[in-house]
Amino acid sequence: LCQKNIEIQAACTEIENHLEELRKEGSERGWSLE
């Protein structure tokens, strides 16, 4: 379970990083991601 929590935490971190990249890309193209 601890290992699964670590994997879930890593996946959440990866998704947050991907969302942050999308926000940056959207702001560069003038899109409103929110």
PDB file of all heavy atoms in Angstrom:
ATOM      1  N   LEU A   1       0.822  -1.206   0.000  1.00  0.00           N
ATOM      2  CA  LEU A   1       0.000   0.000   0.000  1.00  0.00           C
ATOM      3  C   LEU A   1       0.856   1.256   0.000  1.00  0.00           C
ATOM      4  O   LEU A   1       0.529   2.246  -0.669  1.00  0.00           O
ATOM      5  CB  LEU A   1      -0.931  -0.010   1.218  1.00  0.00           C
ATOM      6  CG  LEU A   1      -2.035  -1.073   1.200  1.00  0.00           C
ATOM      7  CD1 LEU A   1      -2.807  -1.047   2.515  1.00  0.00           C
ATOM      8  CD2 LEU A   1      -2.978  -0.861   0.024  1.00  0.00           C
ATOM      9  N   CYS A   2       1.950   1.227   0.770  1.00  0.00           N
ATOM     10  CA  CYS A   2       2.852   2.382   0.778  1.00  0.00           C
ATOM     11  C   CYS A   2       3.464   2.595  -0.602  1.00  0.00           C
ATOM     12  O   CYS A   2       3.572   3.732  -1.075  1.00  0.00           O
ATOM     13  CB  CYS A   2       3.943   2.189   1.825  1.00  0.00           C
ATOM     14  SG  CYS A   2       3.363   2.242   3.540  1.00  0.00           S
ATOM     15  N   GLN A   3       3.868   1.479  -1.241  1.00  0.00           N
ATOM     16  CA  GLN A   3       4.421   1.599  -2.588  1.00  0.00           C
ATOM     17  C   GLN A   3       3.374   2.124  -3.563  1.00  0.00           C
ATOM     18  O   GLN A   3       3.667   2.951  -4.443  1.00  0.00           O
ATOM     19  CB  GLN A   3       4.940   0.233  -3.047  1.00  0.00           C
ATOM     20  CG  GLN A   3       5.649   0.262  -4.389  1.00  0.00           C
ATOM     21  CD  GLN A   3       6.920   1.104  -4.333  1.00  0.00           C
ATOM     22  OE1 GLN A   3       7.556   1.201  -3.293  1.00  0.00           O
ATOM     23  NE2 GLN A   3       7.283   1.705  -5.463  1.00  0.00           N
ATOM     24  N   LYS A   4       2.119   1.670  -3.405  1.00  0.00           N
ATOM     25  CA  LYS A   4       1.048   2.151  -4.263  1.00  0.00           C
ATOM     26  C   LYS A   4       0.803   3.643  -4.020  1.00  0.00           C
ATOM     27  O   LYS A   4       0.548   4.407  -4.965  1.00  0.00           O
ATOM     28  CB  LYS A   4      -0.225   1.345  -4.010  1.00  0.00           C
ATOM     29  CG  LYS A   4      -1.378   1.687  -4.954  1.00  0.00           C
ATOM     30  CD  LYS A   4      -2.586   0.832  -4.654  1.00  0.00           C
ATOM     31  CE  LYS A   4      -2.299  -0.624  -4.950  1.00  0.00           C
ATOM     32  NZ  LYS A   4      -3.512  -1.455  -4.756  1.00  0.00           N
ATOM     33  N   ASN A   5       0.869   4.059  -2.747  1.00  0.00           N
ATOM     34  CA  ASN A   5       0.705   5.490  -2.452  1.00  0.00           C
ATOM     35  C   ASN A   5       1.806   6.313  -3.111  1.00  0.00           C
ATOM     36  O   ASN A   5       1.560   7.414  -3.618  1.00  0.00           O
ATOM     37  CB  ASN A   5       0.706   5.714  -0.942  1.00  0.00           C
ATOM     38  CG  ASN A   5      -0.552   5.192  -0.275  1.00  0.00           C
ATOM     39  OD1 ASN A   5      -1.588   5.035  -0.927  1.00  0.00           O
ATOM     40  ND2 ASN A   5      -0.466   4.912   1.009  1.00  0.00           N
ATOM     41  N   ILE A   6       3.005   5.770  -3.097  1.00  0.00           N
ATOM     42  CA  ILE A   6       4.114   6.481  -3.743  1.00  0.00           C
ATOM     43  C   ILE A   6       3.880   6.577  -5.243  1.00  0.00           C
ATOM     44  O   ILE A   6       4.107   7.628  -5.871  1.00  0.00           O
ATOM     45  CB  ILE A   6       5.441   5.774  -3.427  1.00  0.00           C
ATOM     46  CG1 ILE A   6       5.758   5.864  -1.922  1.00  0.00           C
ATOM     47  CG2 ILE A   6       6.583   6.371  -4.239  1.00  0.00           C
ATOM     48  CD1 ILE A   6       6.988   5.096  -1.512  1.00  0.00           C
ATOM     49  N   GLU A   7       3.401   5.471  -5.863  1.00  0.00           N
ATOM     50  CA  GLU A   7       3.126   5.498  -7.298  1.00  0.00           C
ATOM     51  C   GLU A   7       2.008   6.478  -7.623  1.00  0.00           C
ATOM     52  O   GLU A   7       2.079   7.209  -8.629  1.00  0.00           O
ATOM     53  CB  GLU A   7       2.758   4.093  -7.760  1.00  0.00           C
ATOM     54  CG  GLU A   7       3.913   3.097  -7.655  1.00  0.00           C
ATOM     55  CD  GLU A   7       3.481   1.683  -8.012  1.00  0.00           C
ATOM     56  OE1 GLU A   7       2.269   1.486  -8.279  1.00  0.00           O
ATOM     57  OE2 GLU A   7       4.353   0.781  -8.019  1.00  0.00           O
ATOM     58  N   ILE A   8       0.955   6.493  -6.760  1.00  0.00           N
ATOM     59  CA  ILE A   8      -0.144   7.440  -6.982  1.00  0.00           C
ATOM     60  C   ILE A   8       0.356   8.873  -6.846  1.00  0.00           C
ATOM     61  O   ILE A   8       0.006   9.761  -7.629  1.00  0.00           O
ATOM     62  CB  ILE A   8      -1.285   7.162  -5.996  1.00  0.00           C
ATOM     63  CG1 ILE A   8      -1.940   5.804  -6.302  1.00  0.00           C
ATOM     64  CG2 ILE A   8      -2.334   8.279  -6.035  1.00  0.00           C
ATOM     65  CD1 ILE A   8      -2.985   5.385  -5.297  1.00  0.00           C
ATOM     66  N   GLN A   9       1.225   9.102  -5.810  1.00  0.00           N
ATOM     67  CA  GLN A   9       1.768  10.441  -5.627  1.00  0.00           C
ATOM     68  C   GLN A   9       2.624  10.838  -6.822  1.00  0.00           C
ATOM     69  O   GLN A   9       2.566  11.997  -7.294  1.00  0.00           O
ATOM     70  CB  GLN A   9       2.588  10.478  -4.339  1.00  0.00           C
ATOM     71  CG  GLN A   9       3.160  11.862  -4.017  1.00  0.00           C
ATOM     72  CD  GLN A   9       3.966  11.850  -2.737  1.00  0.00           C
ATOM     73  OE1 GLN A   9       4.123  10.826  -2.106  1.00  0.00           O
ATOM     74  NE2 GLN A   9       4.473  13.019  -2.375  1.00  0.00           N
ATOM     75  N   ALA A  10       3.398   9.886  -7.365  1.00  0.00           N
ATOM     76  CA  ALA A  10       4.217  10.204  -8.543  1.00  0.00           C
ATOM     77  C   ALA A  10       3.339  10.485  -9.752  1.00  0.00           C
ATOM     78  O   ALA A  10       3.616  11.407 -10.554  1.00  0.00           O
ATOM     79  CB  ALA A  10       5.160   9.041  -8.825  1.00  0.00           C
ATOM     80  N   ALA A  11       2.243   9.698  -9.918  1.00  0.00           N
ATOM     81  CA  ALA A  11       1.331   9.941 -11.044  1.00  0.00           C
ATOM     82  C   ALA A  11       0.659  11.296 -10.916  1.00  0.00           C
ATOM     83  O   ALA A  11       0.495  12.022 -11.919  1.00  0.00           O
ATOM     84  CB  ALA A  11       0.287   8.815 -11.097  1.00  0.00           C
ATOM     85  N   CYS A  12       0.237  11.655  -9.688  1.00  0.00           N
ATOM     86  CA  CYS A  12      -0.380  12.972  -9.477  1.00  0.00           C
ATOM     87  C   CYS A  12       0.600  14.088  -9.794  1.00  0.00           C
ATOM     88  O   CYS A  12       0.237  15.115 -10.408  1.00  0.00           O
ATOM     89  CB  CYS A  12      -0.883  13.089  -8.043  1.00  0.00           C
ATOM     90  SG  CYS A  12      -2.280  11.998  -7.653  1.00  0.00           S
ATOM     91  N   THR A  13       1.842  13.889  -9.377  1.00  0.00           N
ATOM     92  CA  THR A  13       2.864  14.900  -9.683  1.00  0.00           C
ATOM     93  C   THR A  13       3.079  15.036 -11.179  1.00  0.00           C
ATOM     94  O   THR A  13       3.221  16.149 -11.719  1.00  0.00           O
ATOM     95  CB  THR A  13       4.180  14.527  -8.978  1.00  0.00           C
ATOM     96  OG1 THR A  13       3.960  14.396  -7.580  1.00  0.00           O
ATOM     97  CG2 THR A  13       5.240  15.587  -9.224  1.00  0.00           C
ATOM     98  N   GLU A  14       3.078  13.880 -11.879  1.00  0.00           N
ATOM     99  CA  GLU A  14       3.254  13.907 -13.331  1.00  0.00           C
ATOM    100  C   GLU A  14       2.084  14.615 -14.002  1.00  0.00           C
ATOM    101  O   GLU A  14       2.265  15.407 -14.952  1.00  0.00           O
ATOM    102  CB  GLU A  14       3.393  12.481 -13.862  1.00  0.00           C
ATOM    103  CG  GLU A  14       3.648  12.404 -15.358  1.00  0.00           C
ATOM    104  CD  GLU A  14       3.803  10.972 -15.828  1.00  0.00           C
ATOM    105  OE1 GLU A  14       3.761  10.062 -14.963  1.00  0.00           O
ATOM    106  OE2 GLU A  14       3.950  10.773 -17.064  1.00  0.00           O
ATOM    107  N   ILE A  15       0.848  14.347 -13.527  1.00  0.00           N
ATOM    108  CA  ILE A  15      -0.329  15.005 -14.110  1.00  0.00           C
ATOM    109  C   ILE A  15      -0.285  16.509 -13.850  1.00  0.00           C
ATOM    110  O   ILE A  15      -0.604  17.324 -14.743  1.00  0.00           O
ATOM    111  CB  ILE A  15      -1.613  14.379 -13.529  1.00  0.00           C
ATOM    112  CG1 ILE A  15      -1.756  12.931 -14.014  1.00  0.00           C
ATOM    113  CG2 ILE A  15      -2.843  15.197 -13.908  1.00  0.00           C
ATOM    114  CD1 ILE A  15      -2.914  12.193 -13.393  1.00  0.00           C
ATOM    115  N   GLU A  16       0.133  16.884 -12.604  1.00  0.00           N
ATOM    116  CA  GLU A  16       0.222  18.307 -12.299  1.00  0.00           C
ATOM    117  C   GLU A  16       1.258  18.984 -13.180  1.00  0.00           C
ATOM    118  O   GLU A  16       1.055  20.123 -13.655  1.00  0.00           O
ATOM    119  CB  GLU A  16       0.569  18.494 -10.822  1.00  0.00           C
ATOM    120  CG  GLU A  16      -0.568  18.111  -9.876  1.00  0.00           C
ATOM    121  CD  GLU A  16      -0.168  18.251  -8.415  1.00  0.00           C
ATOM    122  OE1 GLU A  16       1.029  18.568  -8.174  1.00  0.00           O
ATOM    123  OE2 GLU A  16      -1.019  18.037  -7.543  1.00  0.00           O
ATOM    124  N   ASN A  17       2.380  18.307 -13.410  1.00  0.00           N
ATOM    125  CA  ASN A  17       3.400  18.874 -14.305  1.00  0.00           C
ATOM    126  C   ASN A  17       2.873  19.006 -15.733  1.00  0.00           C
ATOM    127  O   ASN A  17       3.133  20.008 -16.426  1.00  0.00           O
ATOM    128  CB  ASN A  17       4.654  18.012 -14.284  1.00  0.00           C
ATOM    129  CG  ASN A  17       5.340  18.021 -12.927  1.00  0.00           C
ATOM    130  OD1 ASN A  17       5.201  18.991 -12.169  1.00  0.00           O
ATOM    131  ND2 ASN A  17       6.076  16.957 -12.625  1.00  0.00           N
ATOM    132  N   HIS A  18       2.093  18.001 -16.171  1.00  0.00           N
ATOM    133  CA  HIS A  18       1.533  18.063 -17.516  1.00  0.00           C
ATOM    134  C   HIS A  18       0.523  19.202 -17.640  1.00  0.00           C
ATOM    135  O   HIS A  18       0.496  19.929 -18.658  1.00  0.00           O
ATOM    136  CB  HIS A  18       0.876  16.729 -17.853  1.00  0.00           C
ATOM    137  CG  HIS A  18       0.288  16.675 -19.230  1.00  0.00           C
ATOM    138  ND1 HIS A  18       1.053  16.771 -20.385  1.00  0.00           N
ATOM    139  CD2 HIS A  18      -1.007  16.555 -19.637  1.00  0.00           C
ATOM    140  CE1 HIS A  18       0.262  16.706 -21.441  1.00  0.00           C
ATOM    141  NE2 HIS A  18      -0.997  16.574 -21.014  1.00  0.00           N
ATOM    142  N   LEU A  19      -0.303  19.375 -16.589  1.00  0.00           N
ATOM    143  CA  LEU A  19      -1.254  20.485 -16.589  1.00  0.00           C
ATOM    144  C   LEU A  19      -0.541  21.829 -16.603  1.00  0.00           C
ATOM    145  O   LEU A  19      -0.987  22.786 -17.267  1.00  0.00           O
ATOM    146  CB  LEU A  19      -2.182  20.383 -15.374  1.00  0.00           C
ATOM    147  CG  LEU A  19      -3.200  19.229 -15.388  1.00  0.00           C
ATOM    148  CD1 LEU A  19      -3.980  19.198 -14.076  1.00  0.00           C
ATOM    149  CD2 LEU A  19      -4.165  19.391 -16.573  1.00  0.00           C
ATOM    150  N   GLU A  20       0.546  21.906 -15.869  1.00  0.00           N
ATOM    151  CA  GLU A  20       1.289  23.163 -15.846  1.00  0.00           C
ATOM    152  C   GLU A  20       1.874  23.467 -17.217  1.00  0.00           C
ATOM    153  O   GLU A  20       1.873  24.623 -17.681  1.00  0.00           O
ATOM    154  CB  GLU A  20       2.398  23.078 -14.795  1.00  0.00           C
ATOM    155  CG  GLU A  20       3.174  24.356 -14.584  1.00  0.00           C
ATOM    156  CD  GLU A  20       2.297  25.456 -14.007  1.00  0.00           C
ATOM    157  OE1 GLU A  20       1.273  25.140 -13.341  1.00  0.00           O
ATOM    158  OE2 GLU A  20       2.628  26.642 -14.215  1.00  0.00           O
ATOM    159  N   GLU A  21       2.345  22.410 -17.905  1.00  0.00           N
ATOM    160  CA  GLU A  21       2.856  22.617 -19.258  1.00  0.00           C
ATOM    161  C   GLU A  21       1.733  23.074 -20.203  1.00  0.00           C
ATOM    162  O   GLU A  21       1.931  23.936 -21.074  1.00  0.00           O
ATOM    163  CB  GLU A  21       3.496  21.330 -19.768  1.00  0.00           C
ATOM    164  CG  GLU A  21       4.764  20.948 -19.029  1.00  0.00           C
ATOM    165  CD  GLU A  21       5.317  19.624 -19.520  1.00  0.00           C
ATOM    166  OE1 GLU A  21       4.658  19.012 -20.405  1.00  0.00           O
ATOM    167  OE2 GLU A  21       6.389  19.212 -19.035  1.00  0.00           O
ATOM    168  N   LEU A  22       0.520  22.476 -20.023  1.00  0.00           N
ATOM    169  CA  LEU A  22      -0.619  22.896 -20.858  1.00  0.00           C
ATOM    170  C   LEU A  22      -0.995  24.342 -20.597  1.00  0.00           C
ATOM    171  O   LEU A  22      -1.348  25.090 -21.524  1.00  0.00           O
ATOM    172  CB  LEU A  22      -1.817  21.975 -20.614  1.00  0.00           C
ATOM    173  CG  LEU A  22      -1.679  20.532 -21.109  1.00  0.00           C
ATOM    174  CD1 LEU A  22      -2.915  19.722 -20.737  1.00  0.00           C
ATOM    175  CD2 LEU A  22      -1.447  20.498 -22.615  1.00  0.00           C
ATOM    176  N   ARG A  23      -0.936  24.752 -19.331  1.00  0.00           N
ATOM    177  CA  ARG A  23      -1.261  26.145 -19.014  1.00  0.00           C
ATOM    178  C   ARG A  23      -0.266  27.085 -19.678  1.00  0.00           C
ATOM    179  O   ARG A  23      -0.627  28.146 -20.215  1.00  0.00           O
ATOM    180  CB  ARG A  23      -1.269  26.340 -17.498  1.00  0.00           C
ATOM    181  CG  ARG A  23      -2.419  25.664 -16.783  1.00  0.00           C
ATOM    182  CD  ARG A  23      -2.486  26.131 -15.320  1.00  0.00           C
ATOM    183  NE  ARG A  23      -3.518  25.422 -14.584  1.00  0.00           N
ATOM    184  CZ  ARG A  23      -3.321  24.354 -13.849  1.00  0.00           C
ATOM    185  NH1 ARG A  23      -2.081  23.840 -13.743  1.00  0.00           N
ATOM    186  NH2 ARG A  23      -4.323  23.776 -13.222  1.00  0.00           N
ATOM    187  N   LYS A  24       1.006  26.727 -19.611  1.00  0.00           N
ATOM    188  CA  LYS A  24       2.009  27.576 -20.248  1.00  0.00           C
ATOM    189  C   LYS A  24       1.796  27.645 -21.758  1.00  0.00           C
ATOM    190  O   LYS A  24       1.872  28.718 -22.367  1.00  0.00           O
ATOM    191  CB  LYS A  24       3.407  27.047 -19.924  1.00  0.00           C
ATOM    192  CG  LYS A  24       3.806  27.203 -18.471  1.00  0.00           C
ATOM    193  CD  LYS A  24       5.207  26.675 -18.249  1.00  0.00           C
ATOM    194  CE  LYS A  24       5.632  26.834 -16.796  1.00  0.00           C
ATOM    195  NZ  LYS A  24       6.999  26.320 -16.556  1.00  0.00           N
ATOM    196  N   GLU A  25       1.526  26.467 -22.346  1.00  0.00           N
ATOM    197  CA  GLU A  25       1.321  26.451 -23.802  1.00  0.00           C
ATOM    198  C   GLU A  25       0.071  27.223 -24.194  1.00  0.00           C
ATOM    199  O   GLU A  25       0.040  27.949 -25.196  1.00  0.00           O
ATOM    200  CB  GLU A  25       1.214  25.006 -24.277  1.00  0.00           C
ATOM    201  CG  GLU A  25       1.077  24.878 -25.796  1.00  0.00           C
ATOM    202  CD  GLU A  25       0.990  23.432 -26.242  1.00  0.00           C
ATOM    203  OE1 GLU A  25       1.138  22.542 -25.351  1.00  0.00           O
ATOM    204  OE2 GLU A  25       0.773  23.188 -27.445  1.00  0.00           O
ATOM    205  N   GLY A  26      -0.992  27.060 -23.369  1.00  0.00           N
ATOM    206  CA  GLY A  26      -2.221  27.788 -23.658  1.00  0.00           C
ATOM    207  C   GLY A  26      -2.049  29.281 -23.511  1.00  0.00           C
ATOM    208  O   GLY A  26      -2.601  30.074 -24.289  1.00  0.00           O
ATOM    209  N   SER A  27      -1.291  29.700 -22.480  1.00  0.00           N
ATOM    210  CA  SER A  27      -1.063  31.138 -22.298  1.00  0.00           C
ATOM    211  C   SER A  27      -0.234  31.697 -23.446  1.00  0.00           C
ATOM    212  O   SER A  27      -0.422  32.851 -23.857  1.00  0.00           O
ATOM    213  CB  SER A  27      -0.360  31.388 -20.953  1.00  0.00           C
ATOM    214  OG  SER A  27       0.898  30.738 -20.930  1.00  0.00           O
ATOM    215  N   GLU A  28       0.692  30.893 -24.009  1.00  0.00           N
ATOM    216  CA  GLU A  28       1.483  31.356 -25.134  1.00  0.00           C
ATOM    217  C   GLU A  28       0.614  31.513 -26.400  1.00  0.00           C
ATOM    218  O   GLU A  28       0.841  32.407 -27.207  1.00  0.00           O
ATOM    219  CB  GLU A  28       2.628  30.376 -25.394  1.00  0.00           C
ATOM    220  CG  GLU A  28       3.670  30.374 -24.290  1.00  0.00           C
ATOM    221  CD  GLU A  28       4.729  29.316 -24.521  1.00  0.00           C
ATOM    222  OE1 GLU A  28       4.585  28.552 -25.517  1.00  0.00           O
ATOM    223  OE2 GLU A  28       5.702  29.242 -23.727  1.00  0.00           O
ATOM    224  N   ARG A  29      -0.413  30.644 -26.566  1.00  0.00           N
ATOM    225  CA  ARG A  29      -1.274  30.701 -27.746  1.00  0.00           C
ATOM    226  C   ARG A  29      -2.515  31.555 -27.511  1.00  0.00           C
ATOM    227  O   ARG A  29      -3.348  31.695 -28.395  1.00  0.00           O
ATOM    228  CB  ARG A  29      -1.696  29.294 -28.154  1.00  0.00           C
ATOM    229  CG  ARG A  29      -0.544  28.410 -28.567  1.00  0.00           C
ATOM    230  CD  ARG A  29      -1.051  27.070 -29.067  1.00  0.00           C
ATOM    231  NE  ARG A  29       0.053  26.209 -29.480  1.00  0.00           N
ATOM    232  CZ  ARG A  29      -0.098  24.994 -30.024  1.00  0.00           C
ATOM    233  NH1 ARG A  29      -1.341  24.548 -30.252  1.00  0.00           N
ATOM    234  NH2 ARG A  29       0.945  24.280 -30.361  1.00  0.00           N
ATOM    235  N   GLY A  30      -2.647  32.069 -26.293  1.00  0.00           N
ATOM    236  CA  GLY A  30      -3.782  32.922 -26.003  1.00  0.00           C
ATOM    237  C   GLY A  30      -5.038  32.170 -25.647  1.00  0.00           C
ATOM    238  O   GLY A  30      -6.145  32.709 -25.789  1.00  0.00           O
ATOM    239  N   TRP A  31      -4.915  30.908 -25.228  1.00  0.00           N
ATOM    240  CA  TRP A  31      -6.070  30.107 -24.846  1.00  0.00           C
ATOM    241  C   TRP A  31      -6.325  30.257 -23.369  1.00  0.00           C
ATOM    242  O   TRP A  31      -5.415  30.469 -22.565  1.00  0.00           O
ATOM    243  CB  TRP A  31      -5.849  28.636 -25.187  1.00  0.00           C
ATOM    244  CG  TRP A  31      -5.703  28.404 -26.665  1.00  0.00           C
ATOM    245  CD1 TRP A  31      -6.064  29.232 -27.673  1.00  0.00           C
ATOM    246  CD2 TRP A  31      -5.111  27.254 -27.259  1.00  0.00           C
ATOM    247  NE1 TRP A  31      -5.781  28.697 -28.882  1.00  0.00           N
ATOM    248  CE2 TRP A  31      -5.186  27.461 -28.681  1.00  0.00           C
ATOM    249  CE3 TRP A  31      -4.553  26.071 -26.790  1.00  0.00           C
ATOM    250  CZ2 TRP A  31      -4.698  26.521 -29.589  1.00  0.00           C
ATOM    251  CZ3 TRP A  31      -4.085  25.134 -27.679  1.00  0.00           C
ATOM    252  CH2 TRP A  31      -4.154  25.370 -29.069  1.00  0.00           C
ATOM    253  N   SER A  32      -7.581  30.082 -22.998  1.00  0.00           N
ATOM    254  CA  SER A  32      -7.975  30.087 -21.576  1.00  0.00           C
ATOM    255  C   SER A  32      -8.241  28.648 -21.169  1.00  0.00           C
ATOM    256  O   SER A  32      -9.325  28.107 -21.428  1.00  0.00           O
ATOM    257  CB  SER A  32      -9.213  30.965 -21.360  1.00  0.00           C
ATOM    258  OG  SER A  32      -9.590  30.934 -19.999  1.00  0.00           O
ATOM    259  N   LEU A  33      -7.260  28.019 -20.588  1.00  0.00           N
ATOM    260  CA  LEU A  33      -7.386  26.597 -20.216  1.00  0.00           C
ATOM    261  C   LEU A  33      -8.415  26.388 -19.113  1.00  0.00           C
ATOM    262  O   LEU A  33      -9.156  25.403 -19.119  1.00  0.00           O
ATOM    263  CB  LEU A  33      -6.020  26.049 -19.786  1.00  0.00           C
ATOM    264  CG  LEU A  33      -5.977  24.560 -19.427  1.00  0.00           C
ATOM    265  CD1 LEU A  33      -6.417  23.702 -20.617  1.00  0.00           C
ATOM    266  CD2 LEU A  33      -4.583  24.160 -18.963  1.00  0.00           C
ATOM    267  N   GLU A  34      -8.473  27.308 -18.170  1.00  0.00           N
ATOM    268  CA  GLU A  34      -9.416  27.150 -17.068  1.00  0.00           C
ATOM    269  C   GLU A  34     -10.846  27.182 -17.577  1.00  0.00           C
ATOM    270  O   GLU A  34     -11.706  26.395 -17.160  1.00  0.00           O
ATOM    271  CB  GLU A  34      -9.196  28.261 -16.031  1.00  0.00           C
ATOM    272  CG  GLU A  34      -7.806  28.266 -15.414  1.00  0.00           C
ATOM    273  CD  GLU A  34      -7.555  27.011 -14.595  1.00  0.00           C
ATOM    274  OE1 GLU A  34      -8.544  26.409 -14.122  1.00  0.00           O
ATOM    275  OE2 GLU A  34      -6.375  26.632 -14.421  1.00  0.00           O
TER     276      GLU A  34
END
